Amino acid sequence: PLRPGTELFQEPYRRISLSLSLKDFVSHSTPQFNMVSAEQMAAVKANIAAVRGGDVSKTAGDFFIYFFTKFPAHQNRFPAYKGQAIGSLASVGSWKTHTTNVVAATLTLVEKAGDAGTLAAAAKQTIADHVSRGGVNAQEYADVLSALVSFLVESLSVDKAAWEAATGATAAALKAAF
């Protein structure tokens, strides 16, 4: 029996009842992966705004150094950086533009973690965009997101739990999109 003010929706393999309240909608509208609370998304978005309000190119370059230090094998996935010493990467011609674009795109994707449908569509598009670049697998995306959380916690003292929730939902959406 349904409570007054609820509607019945069908999802694959199960039936759920949704209340018209935002709390119930958020907690029951996660078809493929856990969503992030409004409070967590507010914290993540505030942190992203702070990154964007600062020297994004420097932050992006610093993040990539951090990422390649934490996951050295991933450096070889980037032809321009393959075989380069970590200390010389900033002198690679495409470094500033490439690292800034990747970090900006990653932050934009993570910002969508509060909306399952938007995140799922963006994850599919992200995967499609990388096919011509040799493809990126789910573990590589997870490694980027994991390193991003660690980097932001260490460098900006962000809300770790909020970022873990947002990047966890993002990684799950990317994995589900394969």
N, C-alpha and C. Protein backbone atom coordinates (compact mmCIF):
# COMPACT_ATOMS: atom_id res chain seq x y z
N PRO A 1 0.84 -1.19 0.00
CA PRO A 1 0.00 0.00 0.00
C PRO A 1 0.88 1.25 0.00
N LEU A 2 0.48 2.22 -0.78
CA LEU A 2 1.24 3.46 -0.90
C LEU A 2 0.66 4.52 0.01
N ARG A 3 1.55 5.36 0.52
CA ARG A 3 1.10 6.49 1.31
C ARG A 3 0.44 7.50 0.38
N PRO A 4 -0.50 8.29 0.88
CA PRO A 4 -1.04 9.37 0.05
C PRO A 4 0.10 10.30 -0.35
N GLY A 5 0.06 10.81 -1.57
CA GLY A 5 1.10 11.73 -2.04
C GLY A 5 2.30 11.03 -2.63
N THR A 6 2.19 9.72 -2.85
CA THR A 6 3.30 9.00 -3.47
C THR A 6 2.85 8.47 -4.81
N GLU A 7 3.83 8.19 -5.65
CA GLU A 7 3.54 7.59 -6.94
C GLU A 7 4.44 6.38 -7.09
N LEU A 8 3.99 5.42 -7.84
CA LEU A 8 4.77 4.21 -8.05
C LEU A 8 5.54 4.31 -9.35
N PHE A 9 6.83 4.02 -9.29
CA PHE A 9 7.68 4.03 -10.47
C PHE A 9 8.26 2.65 -10.68
N GLN A 10 8.50 2.31 -11.93
CA GLN A 10 9.14 1.04 -12.26
C GLN A 10 10.61 1.30 -12.53
N GLU A 11 11.46 0.50 -11.99
CA GLU A 11 12.87 0.48 -12.33
C GLU A 11 13.20 -0.95 -12.70
N PRO A 12 14.24 -1.16 -13.47
CA PRO A 12 14.61 -2.54 -13.81
C PRO A 12 14.75 -3.39 -12.54
N TYR A 13 14.10 -4.51 -12.53
CA TYR A 13 14.22 -5.53 -11.49
C TYR A 13 13.58 -5.19 -10.15
N ARG A 14 12.98 -4.00 -10.01
CA ARG A 14 12.36 -3.70 -8.73
C ARG A 14 11.33 -2.59 -8.89
N ARG A 15 10.46 -2.49 -7.90
CA ARG A 15 9.48 -1.41 -7.86
C ARG A 15 9.80 -0.58 -6.64
N ILE A 16 9.69 0.72 -6.77
CA ILE A 16 9.94 1.58 -5.61
C ILE A 16 8.82 2.59 -5.48
N SER A 17 8.64 3.06 -4.29
CA SER A 17 7.67 4.10 -4.02
C SER A 17 8.43 5.38 -3.73
N LEU A 18 8.05 6.45 -4.41
CA LEU A 18 8.73 7.72 -4.20
C LEU A 18 7.77 8.70 -3.55
N SER A 19 8.20 9.32 -2.50
CA SER A 19 7.45 10.40 -1.91
C SER A 19 7.73 11.65 -2.72
N LEU A 20 6.89 12.60 -2.62
CA LEU A 20 7.11 13.84 -3.35
C LEU A 20 8.10 14.75 -2.64
N SER A 21 8.59 14.34 -1.48
CA SER A 21 9.57 15.17 -0.78
C SER A 21 10.95 14.98 -1.41
N LEU A 22 11.76 16.02 -1.37
CA LEU A 22 13.10 15.96 -1.93
C LEU A 22 13.93 14.88 -1.24
N LYS A 23 13.80 14.76 0.07
CA LYS A 23 14.59 13.76 0.81
C LYS A 23 14.32 12.36 0.26
N ASP A 24 13.07 12.00 0.10
CA ASP A 24 12.76 10.68 -0.41
C ASP A 24 13.19 10.53 -1.86
N PHE A 25 13.04 11.57 -2.66
CA PHE A 25 13.44 11.49 -4.06
C PHE A 25 14.92 11.22 -4.17
N VAL A 26 15.72 11.96 -3.42
CA VAL A 26 17.17 11.78 -3.48
C VAL A 26 17.55 10.39 -3.00
N SER A 27 16.94 9.91 -1.94
CA SER A 27 17.36 8.63 -1.40
C SER A 27 16.87 7.44 -2.23
N HIS A 28 15.86 7.63 -3.08
CA HIS A 28 15.33 6.51 -3.85
C HIS A 28 15.59 6.60 -5.34
N SER A 29 16.28 7.63 -5.79
CA SER A 29 16.42 7.84 -7.23
C SER A 29 17.80 7.46 -7.75
N THR A 30 18.39 6.42 -7.20
CA THR A 30 19.75 6.05 -7.56
C THR A 30 19.76 4.73 -8.30
N PRO A 31 19.47 4.74 -9.58
CA PRO A 31 19.34 3.49 -10.31
C PRO A 31 20.61 2.68 -10.42
N GLN A 32 21.79 3.31 -10.49
CA GLN A 32 23.01 2.56 -10.75
C GLN A 32 24.09 2.75 -9.69
N PHE A 33 24.02 3.83 -8.94
CA PHE A 33 25.10 4.13 -8.02
C PHE A 33 24.59 5.06 -6.93
N ASN A 34 25.27 5.08 -5.82
CA ASN A 34 24.87 5.93 -4.71
C ASN A 34 25.04 7.40 -5.06
N MET A 35 24.07 8.17 -4.69
CA MET A 35 24.15 9.59 -4.95
C MET A 35 24.79 10.28 -3.75
N VAL A 36 25.01 11.54 -3.93
CA VAL A 36 25.69 12.35 -2.95
C VAL A 36 24.66 13.27 -2.31
N SER A 37 24.76 13.49 -1.01
CA SER A 37 23.79 14.36 -0.34
C SER A 37 23.94 15.80 -0.82
N ALA A 38 22.90 16.57 -0.61
CA ALA A 38 22.93 17.98 -0.99
C ALA A 38 24.04 18.71 -0.23
N GLU A 39 24.24 18.36 1.03
CA GLU A 39 25.29 19.00 1.82
C GLU A 39 26.67 18.66 1.27
N GLN A 40 26.87 17.41 0.90
CA GLN A 40 28.15 17.00 0.33
C GLN A 40 28.40 17.70 -1.00
N MET A 41 27.37 17.78 -1.84
CA MET A 41 27.53 18.45 -3.13
C MET A 41 27.81 19.93 -2.94
N ALA A 42 27.19 20.55 -1.95
CA ALA A 42 27.46 21.97 -1.68
C ALA A 42 28.93 22.16 -1.31
N ALA A 43 29.46 21.27 -0.49
CA ALA A 43 30.87 21.36 -0.10
C ALA A 43 31.78 21.16 -1.30
N VAL A 44 31.48 20.16 -2.12
CA VAL A 44 32.29 19.87 -3.31
C VAL A 44 32.25 21.06 -4.27
N LYS A 45 31.06 21.59 -4.52
CA LYS A 45 30.94 22.71 -5.44
C LYS A 45 31.65 23.96 -4.92
N ALA A 46 31.62 24.17 -3.61
CA ALA A 46 32.36 25.31 -3.04
C ALA A 46 33.86 25.12 -3.24
N ASN A 47 34.34 23.91 -3.05
CA ASN A 47 35.76 23.63 -3.28
C ASN A 47 36.13 23.83 -4.75
N ILE A 48 35.28 23.37 -5.65
CA ILE A 48 35.53 23.54 -7.08
C ILE A 48 35.56 25.02 -7.44
N ALA A 49 34.65 25.80 -6.88
CA ALA A 49 34.65 27.25 -7.13
C ALA A 49 35.95 27.88 -6.64
N ALA A 50 36.46 27.41 -5.51
CA ALA A 50 37.73 27.93 -5.00
C ALA A 50 38.88 27.60 -5.94
N VAL A 51 38.88 26.38 -6.47
CA VAL A 51 39.93 25.99 -7.43
C VAL A 51 39.82 26.86 -8.67
N ARG A 52 38.62 27.02 -9.18
CA ARG A 52 38.42 27.83 -10.39
C ARG A 52 38.74 29.30 -10.15
N GLY A 53 38.57 29.76 -8.93
CA GLY A 53 38.85 31.15 -8.60
C GLY A 53 40.32 31.44 -8.40
N GLY A 54 41.12 30.40 -8.33
CA GLY A 54 42.56 30.56 -8.14
C GLY A 54 43.31 30.35 -9.44
N ASP A 55 44.54 29.93 -9.32
CA ASP A 55 45.39 29.68 -10.49
C ASP A 55 45.15 28.23 -10.93
N VAL A 56 44.16 28.05 -11.79
CA VAL A 56 43.75 26.71 -12.21
C VAL A 56 44.89 25.99 -12.91
N SER A 57 45.62 26.69 -13.74
CA SER A 57 46.72 26.04 -14.48
C SER A 57 47.79 25.51 -13.54
N LYS A 58 48.12 26.29 -12.51
CA LYS A 58 49.12 25.82 -11.54
C LYS A 58 48.58 24.63 -10.77
N THR A 59 47.34 24.73 -10.32
CA THR A 59 46.73 23.63 -9.58
C THR A 59 46.68 22.37 -10.44
N ALA A 60 46.32 22.53 -11.71
CA ALA A 60 46.24 21.38 -12.62
C ALA A 60 47.61 20.75 -12.83
N GLY A 61 48.62 21.57 -13.04
CA GLY A 61 49.98 21.04 -13.21
C GLY A 61 50.45 20.33 -11.96
N ASP A 62 50.19 20.94 -10.81
CA ASP A 62 50.57 20.32 -9.53
C ASP A 62 49.85 18.99 -9.35
N PHE A 63 48.56 18.96 -9.73
CA PHE A 63 47.81 17.71 -9.61
C PHE A 63 48.42 16.62 -10.48
N PHE A 64 48.76 16.93 -11.71
CA PHE A 64 49.32 15.91 -12.59
C PHE A 64 50.66 15.39 -12.06
N ILE A 65 51.48 16.26 -11.51
CA ILE A 65 52.73 15.80 -10.88
C ILE A 65 52.39 14.83 -9.75
N TYR A 66 51.41 15.20 -8.94
CA TYR A 66 50.96 14.36 -7.83
C TYR A 66 50.44 13.02 -8.37
N PHE A 67 49.60 13.09 -9.39
CA PHE A 67 49.00 11.89 -9.98
C PHE A 67 50.08 10.95 -10.53
N PHE A 68 51.03 11.49 -11.28
CA PHE A 68 52.08 10.65 -11.86
C PHE A 68 53.03 10.11 -10.79
N THR A 69 53.17 10.82 -9.70
CA THR A 69 53.99 10.32 -8.59
C THR A 69 53.27 9.17 -7.89
N LYS A 70 51.96 9.32 -7.72
CA LYS A 70 51.16 8.30 -7.05
C LYS A 70 50.91 7.08 -7.95
N PHE A 71 50.74 7.32 -9.25
CA PHE A 71 50.46 6.26 -10.23
C PHE A 71 51.43 6.41 -11.41
N PRO A 72 52.70 6.07 -11.23
CA PRO A 72 53.70 6.32 -12.27
C PRO A 72 53.40 5.65 -13.61
N ALA A 73 52.77 4.51 -13.61
CA ALA A 73 52.49 3.82 -14.87
C ALA A 73 51.55 4.62 -15.77
N HIS A 74 50.71 5.44 -15.18
CA HIS A 74 49.77 6.23 -15.98
C HIS A 74 50.45 7.32 -16.80
N GLN A 75 51.63 7.73 -16.41
CA GLN A 75 52.34 8.75 -17.18
C GLN A 75 52.58 8.28 -18.61
N ASN A 76 52.83 7.00 -18.77
CA ASN A 76 53.10 6.45 -20.10
C ASN A 76 51.87 6.39 -21.01
N ARG A 77 50.68 6.60 -20.44
CA ARG A 77 49.45 6.64 -21.25
C ARG A 77 49.35 7.94 -22.05
N PHE A 78 50.17 8.91 -21.69
CA PHE A 78 50.17 10.20 -22.35
C PHE A 78 51.43 10.30 -23.20
N PRO A 79 51.32 10.19 -24.52
CA PRO A 79 52.51 10.16 -25.38
C PRO A 79 53.49 11.31 -25.14
N ALA A 80 53.00 12.50 -24.89
CA ALA A 80 53.90 13.65 -24.70
C ALA A 80 54.68 13.56 -23.40
N TYR A 81 54.19 12.77 -22.44
CA TYR A 81 54.84 12.68 -21.13
C TYR A 81 55.60 11.38 -20.93
N LYS A 82 55.42 10.44 -21.84
CA LYS A 82 56.04 9.12 -21.72
C LYS A 82 57.56 9.26 -21.67
N GLY A 83 58.17 8.65 -20.66
CA GLY A 83 59.62 8.64 -20.53
C GLY A 83 60.22 9.93 -20.01
N GLN A 84 59.43 10.93 -19.76
CA GLN A 84 59.93 12.21 -19.25
C GLN A 84 60.14 12.13 -17.73
N ALA A 85 61.15 12.81 -17.26
CA ALA A 85 61.34 12.92 -15.81
C ALA A 85 60.23 13.82 -15.25
N ILE A 86 59.74 13.48 -14.08
CA ILE A 86 58.66 14.26 -13.46
C ILE A 86 59.02 15.75 -13.42
N GLY A 87 60.24 16.05 -13.06
CA GLY A 87 60.67 17.45 -12.95
C GLY A 87 60.70 18.20 -14.27
N SER A 88 60.69 17.50 -15.38
CA SER A 88 60.75 18.18 -16.69
C SER A 88 59.39 18.29 -17.37
N LEU A 89 58.36 17.74 -16.78
CA LEU A 89 57.05 17.72 -17.44
C LEU A 89 56.50 19.12 -17.72
N ALA A 90 56.73 20.05 -16.82
CA ALA A 90 56.21 21.41 -17.01
C ALA A 90 56.80 22.08 -18.25
N SER A 91 57.92 21.59 -18.74
CA SER A 91 58.53 22.18 -19.94
C SER A 91 57.99 21.57 -21.24
N VAL A 92 57.16 20.55 -21.14
CA VAL A 92 56.54 19.97 -22.33
C VAL A 92 55.54 21.00 -22.87
N GLY A 93 55.58 21.26 -24.16
CA GLY A 93 54.77 22.32 -24.76
C GLY A 93 53.29 22.27 -24.46
N SER A 94 52.71 21.10 -24.43
CA SER A 94 51.26 20.97 -24.22
C SER A 94 50.87 20.88 -22.75
N TRP A 95 51.84 20.86 -21.85
CA TRP A 95 51.59 20.61 -20.43
C TRP A 95 50.50 21.50 -19.84
N LYS A 96 50.69 22.80 -19.90
CA LYS A 96 49.77 23.73 -19.23
C LYS A 96 48.35 23.60 -19.78
N THR A 97 48.22 23.60 -21.09
CA THR A 97 46.89 23.51 -21.70
C THR A 97 46.25 22.15 -21.42
N HIS A 98 47.01 21.09 -21.60
CA HIS A 98 46.46 19.75 -21.42
C HIS A 98 46.05 19.50 -19.97
N THR A 99 46.93 19.79 -19.03
CA THR A 99 46.60 19.52 -17.62
C THR A 99 45.42 20.37 -17.17
N THR A 100 45.37 21.61 -17.62
CA THR A 100 44.25 22.48 -17.26
C THR A 100 42.95 21.94 -17.83
N ASN A 101 42.96 21.52 -19.08
CA ASN A 101 41.75 20.98 -19.71
C ASN A 101 41.27 19.71 -19.02
N VAL A 102 42.20 18.83 -18.67
CA VAL A 102 41.81 17.57 -18.02
C VAL A 102 41.22 17.83 -16.64
N VAL A 103 41.88 18.67 -15.86
CA VAL A 103 41.37 18.96 -14.52
C VAL A 103 40.02 19.68 -14.60
N ALA A 104 39.89 20.63 -15.52
CA ALA A 104 38.61 21.33 -15.68
C ALA A 104 37.50 20.36 -16.05
N ALA A 105 37.77 19.46 -16.98
CA ALA A 105 36.76 18.47 -17.38
C ALA A 105 36.42 17.52 -16.23
N THR A 106 37.42 17.14 -15.46
CA THR A 106 37.19 16.24 -14.32
C THR A 106 36.33 16.93 -13.26
N LEU A 107 36.64 18.18 -12.96
CA LEU A 107 35.84 18.92 -11.98
C LEU A 107 34.40 19.10 -12.47
N THR A 108 34.24 19.37 -13.75
CA THR A 108 32.89 19.52 -14.32
C THR A 108 32.11 18.22 -14.20
N LEU A 109 32.77 17.10 -14.43
CA LEU A 109 32.12 15.80 -14.30
C LEU A 109 31.73 15.53 -12.84
N VAL A 110 32.64 15.77 -11.91
CA VAL A 110 32.36 15.53 -10.49
C VAL A 110 31.22 16.42 -10.01
N GLU A 111 31.10 17.62 -10.55
CA GLU A 111 30.00 18.53 -10.17
C GLU A 111 28.64 17.92 -10.45
N LYS A 112 28.56 16.98 -11.35
CA LYS A 112 27.29 16.37 -11.73
C LYS A 112 26.90 15.21 -10.81
N ALA A 113 27.72 14.89 -9.83
CA ALA A 113 27.48 13.74 -8.96
C ALA A 113 26.19 13.83 -8.16
N GLY A 114 25.61 15.00 -8.04
CA GLY A 114 24.37 15.16 -7.31
C GLY A 114 23.12 14.84 -8.11
N ASP A 115 23.27 14.53 -9.40
CA ASP A 115 22.12 14.26 -10.27
C ASP A 115 22.41 13.00 -11.08
N ALA A 116 21.74 11.91 -10.74
CA ALA A 116 22.04 10.60 -11.35
C ALA A 116 21.93 10.61 -12.87
N GLY A 117 20.88 11.18 -13.39
CA GLY A 117 20.69 11.18 -14.84
C GLY A 117 21.73 12.01 -15.57
N THR A 118 21.99 13.19 -15.05
CA THR A 118 23.00 14.06 -15.66
C THR A 118 24.37 13.43 -15.57
N LEU A 119 24.69 12.85 -14.43
CA LEU A 119 25.99 12.20 -14.24
C LEU A 119 26.14 11.01 -15.19
N ALA A 120 25.11 10.20 -15.31
CA ALA A 120 25.18 9.03 -16.20
C ALA A 120 25.42 9.46 -17.65
N ALA A 121 24.71 10.49 -18.10
CA ALA A 121 24.89 10.98 -19.47
C ALA A 121 26.28 11.56 -19.67
N ALA A 122 26.75 12.31 -18.69
CA ALA A 122 28.09 12.91 -18.79
C ALA A 122 29.17 11.83 -18.77
N ALA A 123 28.97 10.79 -17.99
CA ALA A 123 29.94 9.69 -17.94
C ALA A 123 30.02 8.99 -19.29
N LYS A 124 28.88 8.74 -19.91
CA LYS A 124 28.87 8.12 -21.24
C LYS A 124 29.61 8.99 -22.25
N GLN A 125 29.37 10.30 -22.18
CA GLN A 125 30.03 11.21 -23.11
C GLN A 125 31.53 11.26 -22.86
N THR A 126 31.94 11.24 -21.61
CA THR A 126 33.37 11.25 -21.27
C THR A 126 34.06 10.03 -21.86
N ILE A 127 33.44 8.88 -21.70
CA ILE A 127 34.02 7.65 -22.26
C ILE A 127 34.10 7.74 -23.78
N ALA A 128 33.04 8.21 -24.41
CA ALA A 128 33.03 8.35 -25.87
C ALA A 128 34.11 9.32 -26.34
N ASP A 129 34.31 10.39 -25.60
CA ASP A 129 35.33 11.39 -25.97
C ASP A 129 36.74 10.83 -25.93
N HIS A 130 36.95 9.79 -25.15
CA HIS A 130 38.30 9.24 -24.98
C HIS A 130 38.60 8.04 -25.88
N VAL A 131 37.64 7.59 -26.64
CA VAL A 131 37.86 6.44 -27.53
C VAL A 131 38.96 6.77 -28.53
N SER A 132 38.92 7.95 -29.12
CA SER A 132 39.92 8.33 -30.13
C SER A 132 41.31 8.52 -29.53
N ARG A 133 41.38 8.62 -28.23
CA ARG A 133 42.66 8.80 -27.55
C ARG A 133 43.20 7.48 -27.00
N GLY A 134 42.69 6.40 -27.52
CA GLY A 134 43.15 5.10 -27.06
C GLY A 134 42.29 4.52 -25.96
N GLY A 135 41.26 5.23 -25.58
CA GLY A 135 40.37 4.74 -24.54
C GLY A 135 40.99 4.83 -23.16
N VAL A 136 40.15 4.96 -22.19
CA VAL A 136 40.56 4.98 -20.79
C VAL A 136 39.67 3.97 -20.11
N ASN A 137 40.24 3.09 -19.30
CA ASN A 137 39.41 2.08 -18.65
C ASN A 137 38.90 2.57 -17.29
N ALA A 138 37.99 1.82 -16.72
CA ALA A 138 37.34 2.21 -15.47
C ALA A 138 38.36 2.40 -14.35
N GLN A 139 39.38 1.54 -14.29
CA GLN A 139 40.38 1.66 -13.23
C GLN A 139 41.20 2.94 -13.39
N GLU A 140 41.51 3.31 -14.61
CA GLU A 140 42.26 4.55 -14.83
C GLU A 140 41.45 5.77 -14.39
N TYR A 141 40.15 5.77 -14.70
CA TYR A 141 39.30 6.85 -14.21
C TYR A 141 39.28 6.85 -12.69
N ALA A 142 39.14 5.69 -12.09
CA ALA A 142 39.11 5.59 -10.62
C ALA A 142 40.41 6.10 -10.02
N ASP A 143 41.54 5.80 -10.66
CA ASP A 143 42.83 6.27 -10.16
C ASP A 143 42.93 7.79 -10.21
N VAL A 144 42.46 8.39 -11.31
CA VAL A 144 42.46 9.86 -11.41
C VAL A 144 41.61 10.46 -10.30
N LEU A 145 40.43 9.91 -10.10
CA LEU A 145 39.53 10.45 -9.08
C LEU A 145 40.08 10.25 -7.68
N SER A 146 40.67 9.10 -7.42
CA SER A 146 41.29 8.83 -6.12
C SER A 146 42.43 9.80 -5.84
N ALA A 147 43.27 9.99 -6.84
CA ALA A 147 44.39 10.92 -6.68
C ALA A 147 43.89 12.34 -6.49
N LEU A 148 42.81 12.70 -7.19
CA LEU A 148 42.27 14.05 -7.06
C LEU A 148 41.81 14.31 -5.63
N VAL A 149 41.12 13.35 -5.04
CA VAL A 149 40.68 13.52 -3.65
C VAL A 149 41.88 13.71 -2.73
N SER A 150 42.86 12.83 -2.83
CA SER A 150 44.05 12.93 -1.97
C SER A 150 44.75 14.26 -2.17
N PHE A 151 44.91 14.67 -3.42
CA PHE A 151 45.58 15.92 -3.75
C PHE A 151 44.83 17.11 -3.14
N LEU A 152 43.51 17.15 -3.32
CA LEU A 152 42.74 18.27 -2.80
C LEU A 152 42.70 18.30 -1.28
N VAL A 153 42.65 17.13 -0.66
CA VAL A 153 42.68 17.07 0.81
C VAL A 153 44.02 17.62 1.31
N GLU A 154 45.11 17.21 0.68
CA GLU A 154 46.44 17.65 1.11
C GLU A 154 46.71 19.12 0.78
N SER A 155 46.26 19.57 -0.38
CA SER A 155 46.62 20.92 -0.80
C SER A 155 45.61 22.00 -0.41
N LEU A 156 44.34 21.64 -0.32
CA LEU A 156 43.31 22.64 -0.03
C LEU A 156 42.47 22.33 1.20
N SER A 157 42.76 21.24 1.87
CA SER A 157 42.01 20.83 3.07
C SER A 157 40.50 20.76 2.80
N VAL A 158 40.13 20.13 1.69
CA VAL A 158 38.72 20.00 1.35
C VAL A 158 38.03 18.97 2.25
N ASP A 159 36.72 18.92 2.17
CA ASP A 159 35.92 17.95 2.92
C ASP A 159 36.11 16.57 2.29
N LYS A 160 36.94 15.76 2.91
CA LYS A 160 37.31 14.46 2.34
C LYS A 160 36.09 13.56 2.12
N ALA A 161 35.21 13.49 3.11
CA ALA A 161 34.04 12.62 2.99
C ALA A 161 33.15 13.05 1.83
N ALA A 162 32.97 14.35 1.66
CA ALA A 162 32.14 14.85 0.56
C ALA A 162 32.79 14.51 -0.78
N TRP A 163 34.10 14.69 -0.87
CA TRP A 163 34.80 14.39 -2.12
C TRP A 163 34.82 12.89 -2.41
N GLU A 164 34.96 12.08 -1.38
CA GLU A 164 34.92 10.64 -1.59
C GLU A 164 33.55 10.20 -2.08
N ALA A 165 32.50 10.81 -1.53
CA ALA A 165 31.14 10.48 -1.99
C ALA A 165 30.94 10.90 -3.44
N ALA A 166 31.35 12.12 -3.77
CA ALA A 166 31.16 12.64 -5.13
C ALA A 166 32.00 11.88 -6.15
N THR A 167 33.25 11.62 -5.83
CA THR A 167 34.10 10.89 -6.78
C THR A 167 33.73 9.41 -6.82
N GLY A 168 33.22 8.87 -5.72
CA GLY A 168 32.75 7.49 -5.73
C GLY A 168 31.56 7.32 -6.66
N ALA A 169 30.61 8.27 -6.59
CA ALA A 169 29.46 8.23 -7.49
C ALA A 169 29.92 8.42 -8.94
N THR A 170 30.90 9.30 -9.13
CA THR A 170 31.41 9.56 -10.48
C THR A 170 32.10 8.32 -11.04
N ALA A 171 32.93 7.67 -10.24
CA ALA A 171 33.61 6.45 -10.68
C ALA A 171 32.60 5.35 -10.99
N ALA A 172 31.57 5.23 -10.17
CA ALA A 172 30.54 4.22 -10.41
C ALA A 172 29.78 4.51 -11.70
N ALA A 173 29.51 5.78 -11.96
CA ALA A 173 28.81 6.15 -13.20
C ALA A 173 29.68 5.85 -14.41
N LEU A 174 30.96 6.13 -14.32
CA LEU A 174 31.88 5.82 -15.42
C LEU A 174 31.94 4.32 -15.66
N LYS A 175 32.05 3.55 -14.58
CA LYS A 175 32.11 2.09 -14.71
C LYS A 175 30.82 1.55 -15.33
N ALA A 176 29.69 2.09 -14.90
CA ALA A 176 28.39 1.63 -15.42
C ALA A 176 28.21 2.00 -16.89
N ALA A 177 28.91 3.04 -17.34
CA ALA A 177 28.76 3.52 -18.72
C ALA A 177 29.54 2.68 -19.72
N PHE A 178 30.43 1.81 -19.24
CA PHE A 178 31.21 0.97 -20.16
C PHE A 178 30.35 -0.13 -20.74
